[in-house]
């Protein structure tokens, strides 16, 4: 059996979620996000001797987190970019919010929950991705990652809370209407471990974040 380690990206600036604008050279993570990625890399370097493959989506926050994690390894593999690991596109009703709503975690989450419920029920904006299409591309991305996790091999995947928990919802048989509840409390740079075996992927651990929560430097964040 092989193992697939799913890491959520570190804390990203507000513009990553469509709030405000970003300079062309804006980093994919906040300073705290870079620190979170390094801390998760240090933990993983103590758990596995090496990664045989490393994958991320193409969002700047995902790419930067993968680089931070791999920086803890002496001989990291070349990073593979697979856009199928990207997060779902946020609905306009969420990306159009001002910074005051974004900074109010409870109100922002409520707006996101309403938008996601409509999307899951079939709402679609212009030519955007439908919920079934999102679920299908997430599963396809996972199957490609699993194909690299042969016996004794370790694969790193850096993605986002919605995408990682969408995969977990499928593996656990959680209906789409309940999927958002899985990612509401997903911690930045948390680690989820899957085993790839003859029967497919199995979840070993979920949203591991003790290495962040136990830190005295405030590394645990949700957004």
N, C-alpha and C. Protein backbone atom coordinates (compact mmCIF):
# COMPACT_ATOMS: atom_id res chain seq x y z
N UNK A 1 0.83 -1.20 0.00
CA UNK A 1 0.00 0.00 0.00
C UNK A 1 0.87 1.25 0.00
N UNK A 2 0.34 2.29 -0.58
CA UNK A 2 1.00 3.59 -0.57
C UNK A 2 0.17 4.59 0.22
N UNK A 3 0.71 5.76 0.42
CA UNK A 3 0.02 6.79 1.20
C UNK A 3 -0.07 8.09 0.41
N UNK A 4 -1.19 8.75 0.54
CA UNK A 4 -1.40 10.08 -0.04
C UNK A 4 -1.66 11.05 1.10
N UNK A 5 -0.81 12.05 1.21
CA UNK A 5 -0.96 13.08 2.25
C UNK A 5 -1.56 14.33 1.62
N UNK A 6 -2.76 14.67 2.04
CA UNK A 6 -3.45 15.86 1.53
C UNK A 6 -3.23 17.02 2.50
N UNK A 7 -2.67 18.09 2.01
CA UNK A 7 -2.39 19.26 2.84
C UNK A 7 -3.22 20.44 2.33
N UNK A 8 -3.97 21.03 3.22
CA UNK A 8 -4.68 22.25 2.82
C UNK A 8 -3.66 23.39 2.74
N UNK A 9 -3.88 24.32 1.84
CA UNK A 9 -2.97 25.46 1.71
C UNK A 9 -2.92 26.28 2.99
N UNK A 10 -1.83 27.01 3.16
CA UNK A 10 -1.71 27.92 4.29
C UNK A 10 -2.62 29.12 4.13
N UNK A 11 -2.61 29.97 5.14
CA UNK A 11 -3.48 31.16 5.10
C UNK A 11 -3.16 32.02 3.88
N UNK A 12 -4.20 32.38 3.15
CA UNK A 12 -4.04 33.20 1.94
C UNK A 12 -4.61 34.59 2.19
N UNK A 13 -4.12 35.61 1.48
CA UNK A 13 -4.66 36.96 1.62
C UNK A 13 -6.09 37.03 1.09
N UNK A 14 -6.80 38.08 1.48
CA UNK A 14 -8.21 38.21 1.12
C UNK A 14 -8.44 38.18 -0.38
N UNK A 15 -7.49 38.72 -1.15
CA UNK A 15 -7.71 38.77 -2.60
C UNK A 15 -7.79 37.39 -3.22
N UNK A 16 -7.27 36.37 -2.54
CA UNK A 16 -7.36 35.01 -3.05
C UNK A 16 -8.81 34.54 -3.09
N UNK A 17 -9.66 35.18 -2.30
CA UNK A 17 -11.07 34.83 -2.24
C UNK A 17 -11.94 35.87 -2.94
N UNK A 18 -11.31 36.68 -3.77
CA UNK A 18 -12.05 37.65 -4.56
C UNK A 18 -12.39 38.94 -3.86
N UNK A 19 -11.82 39.15 -2.68
CA UNK A 19 -12.09 40.38 -1.92
C UNK A 19 -10.95 41.36 -2.18
N UNK A 20 -11.24 42.48 -2.82
CA UNK A 20 -10.20 43.44 -3.14
C UNK A 20 -9.39 43.01 -4.35
N UNK A 21 -8.34 43.75 -4.63
CA UNK A 21 -7.47 43.45 -5.76
C UNK A 21 -6.05 43.19 -5.27
N UNK A 22 -5.30 42.50 -6.10
CA UNK A 22 -3.93 42.15 -5.73
C UNK A 22 -2.95 42.70 -6.74
N UNK A 23 -1.76 43.03 -6.27
CA UNK A 23 -0.69 43.45 -7.17
C UNK A 23 -0.25 42.23 -7.99
N UNK A 24 0.27 42.46 -9.19
CA UNK A 24 0.69 41.33 -10.03
C UNK A 24 1.69 40.40 -9.35
N UNK A 25 2.52 40.96 -8.48
CA UNK A 25 3.55 40.14 -7.83
C UNK A 25 3.16 39.76 -6.39
N UNK A 26 1.87 39.84 -6.08
CA UNK A 26 1.42 39.52 -4.72
C UNK A 26 1.68 38.05 -4.42
N UNK A 27 2.17 37.73 -3.23
CA UNK A 27 2.43 36.33 -2.88
C UNK A 27 1.14 35.55 -2.70
N UNK A 28 1.23 34.25 -2.83
CA UNK A 28 0.05 33.41 -2.70
C UNK A 28 -0.40 33.22 -1.27
N UNK A 29 0.49 33.48 -0.31
CA UNK A 29 0.18 33.28 1.10
C UNK A 29 0.52 34.52 1.91
N UNK A 30 -0.07 34.63 3.07
CA UNK A 30 0.35 35.64 4.03
C UNK A 30 1.64 35.17 4.69
N UNK A 31 2.27 36.03 5.45
CA UNK A 31 3.47 35.61 6.19
C UNK A 31 3.15 34.43 7.11
N UNK A 32 1.97 34.48 7.73
CA UNK A 32 1.55 33.39 8.59
C UNK A 32 1.35 32.11 7.78
N UNK A 33 0.80 32.26 6.57
CA UNK A 33 0.58 31.11 5.71
C UNK A 33 1.88 30.41 5.33
N UNK A 34 2.92 31.21 5.05
CA UNK A 34 4.23 30.61 4.75
C UNK A 34 4.76 29.85 5.96
N UNK A 35 4.57 30.41 7.15
CA UNK A 35 5.03 29.75 8.37
C UNK A 35 4.26 28.45 8.60
N UNK A 36 2.97 28.46 8.31
CA UNK A 36 2.17 27.24 8.46
C UNK A 36 2.66 26.15 7.51
N UNK A 37 2.95 26.52 6.28
CA UNK A 37 3.43 25.54 5.31
C UNK A 37 4.75 24.93 5.76
N UNK A 38 5.64 25.77 6.26
CA UNK A 38 6.93 25.26 6.75
C UNK A 38 6.74 24.30 7.92
N UNK A 39 5.83 24.66 8.83
CA UNK A 39 5.60 23.81 10.00
C UNK A 39 5.04 22.44 9.59
N UNK A 40 4.12 22.44 8.66
CA UNK A 40 3.57 21.17 8.19
C UNK A 40 4.63 20.36 7.45
N UNK A 41 5.49 21.04 6.71
CA UNK A 41 6.60 20.34 6.05
C UNK A 41 7.53 19.70 7.05
N UNK A 42 7.83 20.41 8.12
CA UNK A 42 8.71 19.86 9.16
C UNK A 42 8.10 18.62 9.80
N UNK A 43 6.79 18.68 10.05
CA UNK A 43 6.12 17.51 10.62
C UNK A 43 6.19 16.32 9.67
N UNK A 44 5.87 16.56 8.41
CA UNK A 44 5.87 15.48 7.43
C UNK A 44 7.26 14.90 7.22
N UNK A 45 8.28 15.76 7.28
CA UNK A 45 9.65 15.28 7.11
C UNK A 45 10.05 14.33 8.24
N UNK A 46 9.39 14.45 9.37
CA UNK A 46 9.65 13.54 10.48
C UNK A 46 8.83 12.27 10.40
N UNK A 47 7.84 12.24 9.50
CA UNK A 47 6.97 11.08 9.37
C UNK A 47 7.32 10.19 8.20
N UNK A 48 7.75 10.78 7.10
CA UNK A 48 8.07 10.00 5.90
C UNK A 48 9.49 10.33 5.45
N UNK A 49 10.22 9.35 4.94
CA UNK A 49 11.60 9.61 4.52
C UNK A 49 11.68 10.50 3.28
N UNK A 50 10.65 10.42 2.45
CA UNK A 50 10.66 11.20 1.20
C UNK A 50 9.26 11.16 0.59
N UNK A 51 9.02 12.07 -0.32
CA UNK A 51 7.83 12.01 -1.16
C UNK A 51 8.27 11.56 -2.54
N UNK A 52 7.57 10.56 -3.06
CA UNK A 52 7.89 10.06 -4.40
C UNK A 52 7.23 10.90 -5.48
N UNK A 53 6.21 11.64 -5.12
CA UNK A 53 5.55 12.57 -6.05
C UNK A 53 4.92 13.68 -5.23
N UNK A 54 4.85 14.86 -5.82
CA UNK A 54 4.24 16.02 -5.14
C UNK A 54 3.36 16.75 -6.14
N UNK A 55 2.12 16.96 -5.78
CA UNK A 55 1.12 17.54 -6.67
C UNK A 55 0.45 18.73 -5.98
N UNK A 56 0.10 19.73 -6.75
CA UNK A 56 -0.75 20.81 -6.22
C UNK A 56 -1.63 21.31 -7.34
N UNK A 57 -2.69 22.03 -6.97
CA UNK A 57 -3.44 22.75 -7.96
C UNK A 57 -2.60 23.90 -8.49
N UNK A 58 -3.17 24.72 -9.37
CA UNK A 58 -2.36 25.82 -9.92
C UNK A 58 -2.67 27.17 -9.26
N UNK A 59 -3.50 27.18 -8.22
CA UNK A 59 -3.76 28.43 -7.51
C UNK A 59 -2.50 28.85 -6.75
N UNK A 60 -2.16 30.14 -6.74
CA UNK A 60 -0.93 30.59 -6.08
C UNK A 60 -0.80 30.12 -4.64
N UNK A 61 -1.90 30.09 -3.90
CA UNK A 61 -1.82 29.66 -2.50
C UNK A 61 -1.49 28.18 -2.38
N UNK A 62 -1.90 27.39 -3.36
CA UNK A 62 -1.60 25.96 -3.34
C UNK A 62 -0.15 25.70 -3.75
N UNK A 63 0.29 26.38 -4.80
CA UNK A 63 1.67 26.21 -5.28
C UNK A 63 2.66 26.65 -4.21
N UNK A 64 2.40 27.79 -3.58
CA UNK A 64 3.31 28.31 -2.55
C UNK A 64 3.37 27.39 -1.34
N UNK A 65 2.23 26.82 -0.96
CA UNK A 65 2.22 25.90 0.17
C UNK A 65 3.01 24.64 -0.14
N UNK A 66 2.84 24.10 -1.33
CA UNK A 66 3.60 22.91 -1.72
C UNK A 66 5.10 23.19 -1.66
N UNK A 67 5.50 24.35 -2.13
CA UNK A 67 6.92 24.71 -2.08
C UNK A 67 7.41 24.80 -0.64
N UNK A 68 6.58 25.35 0.23
CA UNK A 68 6.96 25.46 1.64
C UNK A 68 7.09 24.11 2.31
N UNK A 69 6.17 23.21 2.01
CA UNK A 69 6.23 21.86 2.58
C UNK A 69 7.46 21.12 2.07
N UNK A 70 7.68 21.16 0.78
CA UNK A 70 8.79 20.42 0.18
C UNK A 70 10.14 20.99 0.61
N UNK A 71 10.16 22.24 1.04
CA UNK A 71 11.41 22.84 1.50
C UNK A 71 11.99 22.15 2.72
N UNK A 72 11.18 21.35 3.40
CA UNK A 72 11.67 20.63 4.59
C UNK A 72 12.38 19.33 4.23
N UNK A 73 12.36 18.96 2.95
CA UNK A 73 12.96 17.70 2.51
C UNK A 73 14.27 17.95 1.77
N UNK A 74 15.23 17.06 1.98
CA UNK A 74 16.55 17.23 1.36
C UNK A 74 16.51 17.03 -0.15
N UNK A 75 15.72 16.08 -0.61
CA UNK A 75 15.68 15.79 -2.04
C UNK A 75 14.22 15.67 -2.50
N UNK A 76 13.51 16.79 -2.55
CA UNK A 76 12.09 16.74 -2.92
C UNK A 76 11.91 16.42 -4.40
N UNK A 77 10.79 15.81 -4.76
CA UNK A 77 10.52 15.54 -6.17
C UNK A 77 10.10 16.82 -6.88
N UNK A 78 10.15 16.79 -8.20
CA UNK A 78 9.63 17.92 -8.97
C UNK A 78 8.14 18.07 -8.69
N UNK A 79 7.71 19.29 -8.61
CA UNK A 79 6.30 19.56 -8.29
C UNK A 79 5.44 19.43 -9.53
N UNK A 80 4.39 18.63 -9.43
CA UNK A 80 3.42 18.45 -10.51
C UNK A 80 2.24 19.38 -10.26
N UNK A 81 1.84 20.11 -11.27
CA UNK A 81 0.67 20.98 -11.15
C UNK A 81 -0.50 20.34 -11.88
N UNK A 82 -1.57 20.09 -11.15
CA UNK A 82 -2.79 19.50 -11.70
C UNK A 82 -3.95 20.39 -11.28
N UNK A 83 -4.46 21.17 -12.22
CA UNK A 83 -5.51 22.15 -11.92
C UNK A 83 -6.80 21.50 -11.43
N UNK A 84 -6.93 20.20 -11.58
CA UNK A 84 -8.13 19.52 -11.08
C UNK A 84 -8.20 19.55 -9.56
N UNK A 85 -7.07 19.89 -8.91
CA UNK A 85 -7.06 20.02 -7.45
C UNK A 85 -7.44 21.43 -7.01
N UNK A 86 -7.74 22.31 -7.96
CA UNK A 86 -8.14 23.68 -7.60
C UNK A 86 -9.43 23.68 -6.77
N UNK A 87 -9.60 24.73 -6.00
CA UNK A 87 -10.84 24.92 -5.24
C UNK A 87 -11.98 25.21 -6.21
N UNK A 88 -13.21 24.98 -5.75
CA UNK A 88 -14.37 25.40 -6.54
C UNK A 88 -14.33 26.93 -6.67
N UNK A 89 -14.94 27.43 -7.74
CA UNK A 89 -14.99 28.87 -7.94
C UNK A 89 -16.05 29.47 -7.02
N UNK A 90 -15.67 30.47 -6.25
CA UNK A 90 -16.62 31.10 -5.34
C UNK A 90 -17.73 31.82 -6.12
N UNK A 91 -18.98 31.68 -5.69
CA UNK A 91 -20.09 32.36 -6.37
C UNK A 91 -19.95 33.88 -6.27
N UNK A 92 -20.46 34.62 -7.27
CA UNK A 92 -20.37 36.08 -7.24
C UNK A 92 -20.96 36.70 -5.98
N UNK A 93 -21.99 36.06 -5.41
CA UNK A 93 -22.60 36.61 -4.20
C UNK A 93 -21.64 36.62 -3.04
N UNK A 94 -20.58 35.83 -3.13
CA UNK A 94 -19.57 35.78 -2.08
C UNK A 94 -18.37 36.65 -2.45
N UNK A 95 -17.93 36.58 -3.70
CA UNK A 95 -16.76 37.36 -4.10
C UNK A 95 -17.05 38.85 -4.16
N UNK A 96 -18.33 39.23 -4.23
CA UNK A 96 -18.68 40.65 -4.31
C UNK A 96 -18.74 41.32 -2.95
N UNK A 97 -18.49 40.57 -1.89
CA UNK A 97 -18.59 41.15 -0.55
C UNK A 97 -17.46 42.14 -0.31
N UNK A 98 -17.69 43.07 0.63
CA UNK A 98 -16.63 44.00 0.98
C UNK A 98 -15.79 43.41 2.11
N UNK A 99 -14.71 44.07 2.42
CA UNK A 99 -13.77 43.53 3.40
C UNK A 99 -14.38 43.40 4.79
N UNK A 100 -15.37 44.25 5.11
CA UNK A 100 -15.97 44.18 6.44
C UNK A 100 -16.72 42.86 6.64
N UNK A 101 -17.40 42.38 5.58
CA UNK A 101 -18.08 41.10 5.68
C UNK A 101 -17.07 39.96 5.71
N UNK A 102 -16.04 40.07 4.90
CA UNK A 102 -15.01 39.03 4.87
C UNK A 102 -14.35 38.89 6.24
N UNK A 103 -14.15 39.98 6.92
CA UNK A 103 -13.49 39.95 8.23
C UNK A 103 -14.40 39.42 9.34
N UNK A 104 -15.70 39.40 9.08
CA UNK A 104 -16.65 38.84 10.05
C UNK A 104 -16.86 37.38 9.69
N UNK A 105 -16.14 36.50 10.35
CA UNK A 105 -16.11 35.09 9.96
C UNK A 105 -17.49 34.46 9.93
N UNK A 106 -18.32 34.74 10.93
CA UNK A 106 -19.64 34.13 11.02
C UNK A 106 -20.55 34.58 9.87
N UNK A 107 -20.57 35.88 9.58
CA UNK A 107 -21.41 36.39 8.51
C UNK A 107 -20.92 35.93 7.15
N UNK A 108 -19.61 35.91 6.96
CA UNK A 108 -19.05 35.45 5.69
C UNK A 108 -19.39 33.97 5.48
N UNK A 109 -19.26 33.17 6.53
CA UNK A 109 -19.58 31.75 6.42
C UNK A 109 -21.05 31.54 6.09
N UNK A 110 -21.91 32.36 6.67
CA UNK A 110 -23.34 32.26 6.39
C UNK A 110 -23.62 32.56 4.91
N UNK A 111 -22.99 33.60 4.38
CA UNK A 111 -23.17 33.94 2.97
C UNK A 111 -22.66 32.81 2.08
N UNK A 112 -21.52 32.22 2.46
CA UNK A 112 -20.96 31.12 1.68
C UNK A 112 -21.87 29.90 1.74
N UNK A 113 -22.41 29.59 2.90
CA UNK A 113 -23.29 28.43 3.05
C UNK A 113 -24.53 28.56 2.16
N UNK A 114 -25.11 29.75 2.13
CA UNK A 114 -26.29 29.97 1.30
C UNK A 114 -25.96 29.79 -0.18
N UNK A 115 -24.83 30.35 -0.60
CA UNK A 115 -24.42 30.24 -2.00
C UNK A 115 -24.11 28.79 -2.37
N UNK A 116 -23.43 28.07 -1.50
CA UNK A 116 -23.09 26.68 -1.78
C UNK A 116 -24.34 25.80 -1.83
N UNK A 117 -25.30 26.06 -0.95
CA UNK A 117 -26.54 25.28 -0.96
C UNK A 117 -27.25 25.42 -2.30
N UNK A 118 -27.29 26.63 -2.82
CA UNK A 118 -27.91 26.85 -4.12
C UNK A 118 -27.14 26.16 -5.23
N UNK A 119 -25.82 26.21 -5.16
CA UNK A 119 -24.97 25.57 -6.18
C UNK A 119 -25.17 24.06 -6.17
N UNK A 120 -25.20 23.47 -5.00
CA UNK A 120 -25.40 22.03 -4.88
C UNK A 120 -26.77 21.63 -5.43
N UNK A 121 -27.77 22.51 -5.23
CA UNK A 121 -29.13 22.23 -5.70
C UNK A 121 -29.30 22.46 -7.19
N UNK A 122 -28.26 22.98 -7.84
CA UNK A 122 -28.34 23.12 -9.29
C UNK A 122 -28.16 24.51 -9.83
N UNK A 123 -28.02 25.51 -8.96
CA UNK A 123 -27.76 26.87 -9.45
C UNK A 123 -26.43 26.89 -10.20
N UNK A 124 -26.40 27.63 -11.29
CA UNK A 124 -25.17 27.70 -12.08
C UNK A 124 -25.02 29.11 -12.61
N UNK A 125 -23.82 29.63 -12.53
CA UNK A 125 -23.56 30.99 -12.98
C UNK A 125 -22.88 30.95 -14.34
N UNK A 126 -23.58 31.51 -15.35
CA UNK A 126 -23.02 31.57 -16.71
C UNK A 126 -22.52 30.19 -17.13
N UNK A 127 -21.25 30.11 -17.53
CA UNK A 127 -20.67 28.84 -17.97
C UNK A 127 -19.81 28.21 -16.89
N UNK A 128 -20.06 28.58 -15.65
CA UNK A 128 -19.26 28.06 -14.55
C UNK A 128 -19.46 26.58 -14.32
N UNK A 129 -18.59 26.03 -13.52
CA UNK A 129 -18.60 24.61 -13.20
C UNK A 129 -19.82 24.26 -12.35
N UNK A 130 -20.49 23.17 -12.67
CA UNK A 130 -21.60 22.71 -11.85
C UNK A 130 -21.06 21.89 -10.68
N UNK A 131 -21.90 21.68 -9.68
CA UNK A 131 -21.46 20.86 -8.54
C UNK A 131 -21.10 19.44 -8.97
N UNK A 132 -21.91 18.75 -9.80
CA UNK A 132 -21.52 17.41 -10.24
C UNK A 132 -20.18 17.41 -11.00
N UNK A 133 -19.93 18.45 -11.78
CA UNK A 133 -18.65 18.53 -12.50
C UNK A 133 -17.49 18.69 -11.52
N UNK A 134 -17.70 19.48 -10.49
CA UNK A 134 -16.67 19.65 -9.45
C UNK A 134 -16.38 18.32 -8.77
N UNK A 135 -17.43 17.59 -8.42
CA UNK A 135 -17.26 16.29 -7.76
C UNK A 135 -16.51 15.32 -8.67
N UNK A 136 -16.84 15.33 -9.94
CA UNK A 136 -16.21 14.40 -10.89
C UNK A 136 -14.73 14.72 -11.08
N UNK A 137 -14.38 15.98 -11.23
CA UNK A 137 -12.97 16.31 -11.46
C UNK A 137 -12.15 16.10 -10.19
N UNK A 138 -12.77 16.26 -9.02
CA UNK A 138 -12.06 15.98 -7.77
C UNK A 138 -11.72 14.50 -7.68
N UNK A 139 -12.69 13.64 -7.99
CA UNK A 139 -12.44 12.20 -7.92
C UNK A 139 -11.39 11.78 -8.95
N UNK A 140 -11.44 12.37 -10.14
CA UNK A 140 -10.45 12.04 -11.17
C UNK A 140 -9.05 12.45 -10.73
N UNK A 141 -8.93 13.61 -10.09
CA UNK A 141 -7.63 14.06 -9.59
C UNK A 141 -7.11 13.09 -8.53
N UNK A 142 -8.00 12.63 -7.66
CA UNK A 142 -7.60 11.69 -6.61
C UNK A 142 -7.13 10.37 -7.20
N UNK A 143 -7.80 9.92 -8.23
CA UNK A 143 -7.40 8.66 -8.87
C UNK A 143 -6.03 8.78 -9.52
N UNK A 144 -5.73 9.94 -10.09
CA UNK A 144 -4.40 10.14 -10.67
C UNK A 144 -3.34 10.14 -9.57
N UNK A 145 -3.64 10.79 -8.46
CA UNK A 145 -2.68 10.80 -7.35
C UNK A 145 -2.48 9.39 -6.80
N UNK A 146 -3.57 8.65 -6.66
CA UNK A 146 -3.49 7.29 -6.12
C UNK A 146 -2.66 6.38 -7.03
N UNK A 147 -2.71 6.64 -8.33
CA UNK A 147 -1.94 5.81 -9.26
C UNK A 147 -0.44 5.97 -9.06
N UNK A 148 -0.02 7.07 -8.43
CA UNK A 148 1.40 7.31 -8.15
C UNK A 148 1.81 6.75 -6.80
N UNK A 149 0.82 6.33 -6.00
CA UNK A 149 1.09 5.85 -4.64
C UNK A 149 1.15 4.33 -4.62
N UNK A 150 2.14 3.80 -5.32
CA UNK A 150 2.33 2.35 -5.32
C UNK A 150 2.82 1.86 -3.97
N UNK A 151 3.08 0.59 -3.88
CA UNK A 151 3.49 -0.02 -2.61
C UNK A 151 4.69 0.69 -2.00
N UNK A 152 4.54 1.16 -0.78
CA UNK A 152 5.63 1.82 -0.07
C UNK A 152 5.91 3.24 -0.49
N UNK A 153 5.12 3.79 -1.40
CA UNK A 153 5.37 5.14 -1.90
C UNK A 153 4.50 6.17 -1.16
N UNK A 154 5.00 7.38 -1.09
CA UNK A 154 4.30 8.49 -0.44
C UNK A 154 4.09 9.62 -1.44
N UNK A 155 2.87 10.11 -1.50
CA UNK A 155 2.52 11.18 -2.43
C UNK A 155 1.97 12.37 -1.64
N UNK A 156 2.47 13.54 -1.95
CA UNK A 156 1.98 14.78 -1.36
C UNK A 156 1.02 15.45 -2.33
N UNK A 157 -0.12 15.89 -1.81
CA UNK A 157 -1.06 16.68 -2.60
C UNK A 157 -1.42 17.93 -1.79
N UNK A 158 -1.25 19.09 -2.38
CA UNK A 158 -1.65 20.34 -1.72
C UNK A 158 -2.85 20.91 -2.47
N UNK A 159 -3.93 21.10 -1.75
CA UNK A 159 -5.16 21.57 -2.37
C UNK A 159 -5.86 22.53 -1.41
N UNK A 160 -7.17 22.56 -1.48
CA UNK A 160 -7.98 23.49 -0.68
C UNK A 160 -9.03 22.73 0.11
N UNK A 161 -9.63 23.42 1.08
CA UNK A 161 -10.57 22.76 1.98
C UNK A 161 -11.76 22.16 1.24
N UNK A 162 -12.33 22.92 0.31
CA UNK A 162 -13.50 22.41 -0.40
C UNK A 162 -13.20 21.19 -1.22
N UNK A 163 -12.06 21.18 -1.90
CA UNK A 163 -11.70 20.07 -2.76
C UNK A 163 -11.33 18.83 -1.95
N UNK A 164 -10.54 19.02 -0.91
CA UNK A 164 -10.15 17.88 -0.07
C UNK A 164 -11.38 17.26 0.58
N UNK A 165 -12.25 18.09 1.14
CA UNK A 165 -13.41 17.54 1.82
C UNK A 165 -14.45 16.99 0.85
N UNK A 166 -14.46 17.47 -0.39
CA UNK A 166 -15.33 16.87 -1.39
C UNK A 166 -14.90 15.42 -1.64
N UNK A 167 -13.61 15.21 -1.73
CA UNK A 167 -13.11 13.84 -1.90
C UNK A 167 -13.48 12.98 -0.69
N UNK A 168 -13.30 13.52 0.51
CA UNK A 168 -13.63 12.77 1.71
C UNK A 168 -15.13 12.46 1.76
N UNK A 169 -15.95 13.40 1.35
CA UNK A 169 -17.40 13.17 1.33
C UNK A 169 -17.74 11.98 0.43
N UNK A 170 -17.06 11.89 -0.70
CA UNK A 170 -17.30 10.76 -1.59
C UNK A 170 -16.83 9.45 -0.97
N UNK A 171 -15.67 9.47 -0.35
CA UNK A 171 -15.14 8.25 0.26
C UNK A 171 -15.99 7.79 1.44
N UNK A 172 -16.57 8.73 2.15
CA UNK A 172 -17.39 8.41 3.33
C UNK A 172 -18.88 8.28 3.02
N UNK A 173 -19.28 8.58 1.79
CA UNK A 173 -20.69 8.51 1.45
C UNK A 173 -21.52 9.64 2.02
N UNK A 174 -20.90 10.80 2.23
CA UNK A 174 -21.61 11.96 2.76
C UNK A 174 -22.35 12.65 1.60
N UNK A 175 -23.66 12.89 1.73
CA UNK A 175 -24.39 13.53 0.63
C UNK A 175 -23.92 14.95 0.38
N UNK A 176 -24.13 15.41 -0.85
CA UNK A 176 -23.68 16.74 -1.22
C UNK A 176 -24.20 17.83 -0.31
N UNK A 177 -25.43 17.70 0.15
CA UNK A 177 -26.02 18.74 1.00
C UNK A 177 -25.28 18.89 2.33
N UNK A 178 -24.58 17.83 2.75
CA UNK A 178 -23.85 17.87 4.01
C UNK A 178 -22.36 18.13 3.83
N UNK A 179 -21.89 18.11 2.59
CA UNK A 179 -20.46 18.30 2.33
C UNK A 179 -19.91 19.60 2.91
N UNK A 180 -20.63 20.75 2.80
CA UNK A 180 -20.05 21.98 3.35
C UNK A 180 -19.72 21.91 4.84
N UNK A 181 -20.43 21.07 5.59
CA UNK A 181 -20.15 20.99 7.03
C UNK A 181 -18.76 20.43 7.29
N UNK A 182 -18.22 19.67 6.34
CA UNK A 182 -16.89 19.08 6.54
C UNK A 182 -15.79 20.14 6.46
N UNK A 183 -15.97 21.15 5.63
CA UNK A 183 -14.86 22.09 5.44
C UNK A 183 -15.00 23.39 6.22
N UNK A 184 -16.07 23.53 7.01
CA UNK A 184 -16.21 24.74 7.82
C UNK A 184 -15.11 24.87 8.86
N UNK A 185 -14.65 23.74 9.38
CA UNK A 185 -13.64 23.77 10.45
C UNK A 185 -12.31 23.20 9.98
N UNK A 186 -12.06 23.25 8.67
CA UNK A 186 -10.80 22.73 8.13
C UNK A 186 -9.70 23.76 8.39
N UNK A 187 -8.62 23.34 8.98
CA UNK A 187 -7.55 24.23 9.42
C UNK A 187 -6.54 24.45 8.29
N UNK A 188 -6.06 25.68 8.16
CA UNK A 188 -5.02 25.96 7.18
C UNK A 188 -3.79 25.10 7.44
N UNK A 189 -3.26 24.51 6.37
CA UNK A 189 -2.06 23.66 6.42
C UNK A 189 -2.26 22.38 7.22
N UNK A 190 -3.52 22.00 7.46
CA UNK A 190 -3.79 20.73 8.13
C UNK A 190 -3.48 19.57 7.18
N UNK A 191 -3.34 18.39 7.76
CA UNK A 191 -2.91 17.21 7.01
C UNK A 191 -3.96 16.11 7.12
N UNK A 192 -4.32 15.54 5.99
CA UNK A 192 -5.24 14.41 5.93
C UNK A 192 -4.52 13.27 5.22
N UNK A 193 -4.54 12.10 5.82
CA UNK A 193 -3.80 10.97 5.26
C UNK A 193 -4.76 9.92 4.69
N UNK A 194 -4.46 9.49 3.47
CA UNK A 194 -5.20 8.42 2.81
C UNK A 194 -4.25 7.26 2.53
N UNK A 195 -4.80 6.07 2.54
CA UNK A 195 -4.05 4.89 2.11
C UNK A 195 -4.59 4.46 0.76
N UNK A 196 -3.69 4.20 -0.18
CA UNK A 196 -4.06 3.72 -1.50
C UNK A 196 -3.78 2.22 -1.57
N UNK A 197 -4.82 1.44 -1.68
CA UNK A 197 -4.67 -0.01 -1.72
C UNK A 197 -5.47 -0.62 -2.85
N UNK A 198 -5.61 -1.92 -2.83
CA UNK A 198 -6.32 -2.62 -3.90
C UNK A 198 -7.78 -2.23 -3.96
N UNK A 199 -8.35 -1.84 -2.84
CA UNK A 199 -9.76 -1.46 -2.81
C UNK A 199 -9.96 0.04 -2.98
N UNK A 200 -8.92 0.72 -3.38
CA UNK A 200 -9.03 2.16 -3.59
C UNK A 200 -8.48 2.95 -2.43
N UNK A 201 -9.00 4.14 -2.25
CA UNK A 201 -8.51 5.05 -1.21
C UNK A 201 -9.32 4.89 0.08
N UNK A 202 -8.61 4.91 1.19
CA UNK A 202 -9.24 4.85 2.50
C UNK A 202 -8.68 5.96 3.37
N UNK A 203 -9.53 6.56 4.19
CA UNK A 203 -9.12 7.67 5.05
C UNK A 203 -8.52 7.12 6.35
N UNK A 204 -7.31 7.57 6.67
CA UNK A 204 -6.64 7.17 7.90
C UNK A 204 -6.76 8.26 8.96
N UNK A 205 -6.58 9.50 8.55
CA UNK A 205 -6.70 10.63 9.48
C UNK A 205 -7.25 11.83 8.73
N UNK A 206 -7.83 12.76 9.49
CA UNK A 206 -8.57 13.87 8.90
C UNK A 206 -8.24 15.19 9.60
N UNK A 207 -7.81 16.19 8.84
CA UNK A 207 -7.65 17.55 9.37
C UNK A 207 -6.69 17.59 10.56
N UNK A 208 -5.59 16.86 10.49
CA UNK A 208 -4.62 16.87 11.59
C UNK A 208 -3.99 18.26 11.71
N UNK A 209 -4.01 18.82 12.92
CA UNK A 209 -3.49 20.17 13.09
C UNK A 209 -2.86 20.40 14.45
N UNK A 210 -2.57 19.34 15.18
CA UNK A 210 -1.97 19.50 16.51
C UNK A 210 -0.65 20.25 16.45
N UNK A 211 0.08 20.06 15.35
CA UNK A 211 1.38 20.74 15.20
C UNK A 211 1.21 22.25 15.01
N UNK A 212 0.00 22.66 14.66
CA UNK A 212 -0.31 24.08 14.51
C UNK A 212 -1.01 24.63 15.75
N UNK A 213 -1.95 23.85 16.28
CA UNK A 213 -2.72 24.29 17.45
C UNK A 213 -1.85 24.37 18.69
N UNK A 214 -0.85 23.50 18.77
CA UNK A 214 0.00 23.49 19.95
C UNK A 214 1.11 24.50 19.91
N UNK A 215 1.14 25.28 18.85
CA UNK A 215 2.21 26.27 18.69
C UNK A 215 1.93 27.52 19.51
N UNK A 216 2.97 28.07 20.11
CA UNK A 216 2.82 29.30 20.88
C UNK A 216 2.83 30.54 19.99
N UNK A 217 3.10 30.34 18.69
CA UNK A 217 3.18 31.49 17.79
C UNK A 217 1.91 31.67 16.95
N UNK A 218 0.80 31.10 17.39
CA UNK A 218 -0.49 31.37 16.76
C UNK A 218 -0.60 30.91 15.33
N UNK A 219 -0.22 29.67 15.05
CA UNK A 219 -0.23 29.18 13.67
C UNK A 219 -1.56 28.57 13.24
N UNK A 220 -2.49 28.42 14.14
CA UNK A 220 -3.75 27.78 13.77
C UNK A 220 -4.77 28.81 13.30
N UNK A 221 -5.19 28.69 12.04
CA UNK A 221 -6.22 29.56 11.48
C UNK A 221 -7.14 28.72 10.60
N UNK A 222 -8.33 29.26 10.35
CA UNK A 222 -9.29 28.60 9.48
C UNK A 222 -9.38 29.29 8.12
N UNK A 223 -8.96 30.54 8.06
CA UNK A 223 -9.05 31.30 6.81
C UNK A 223 -8.05 32.44 6.90
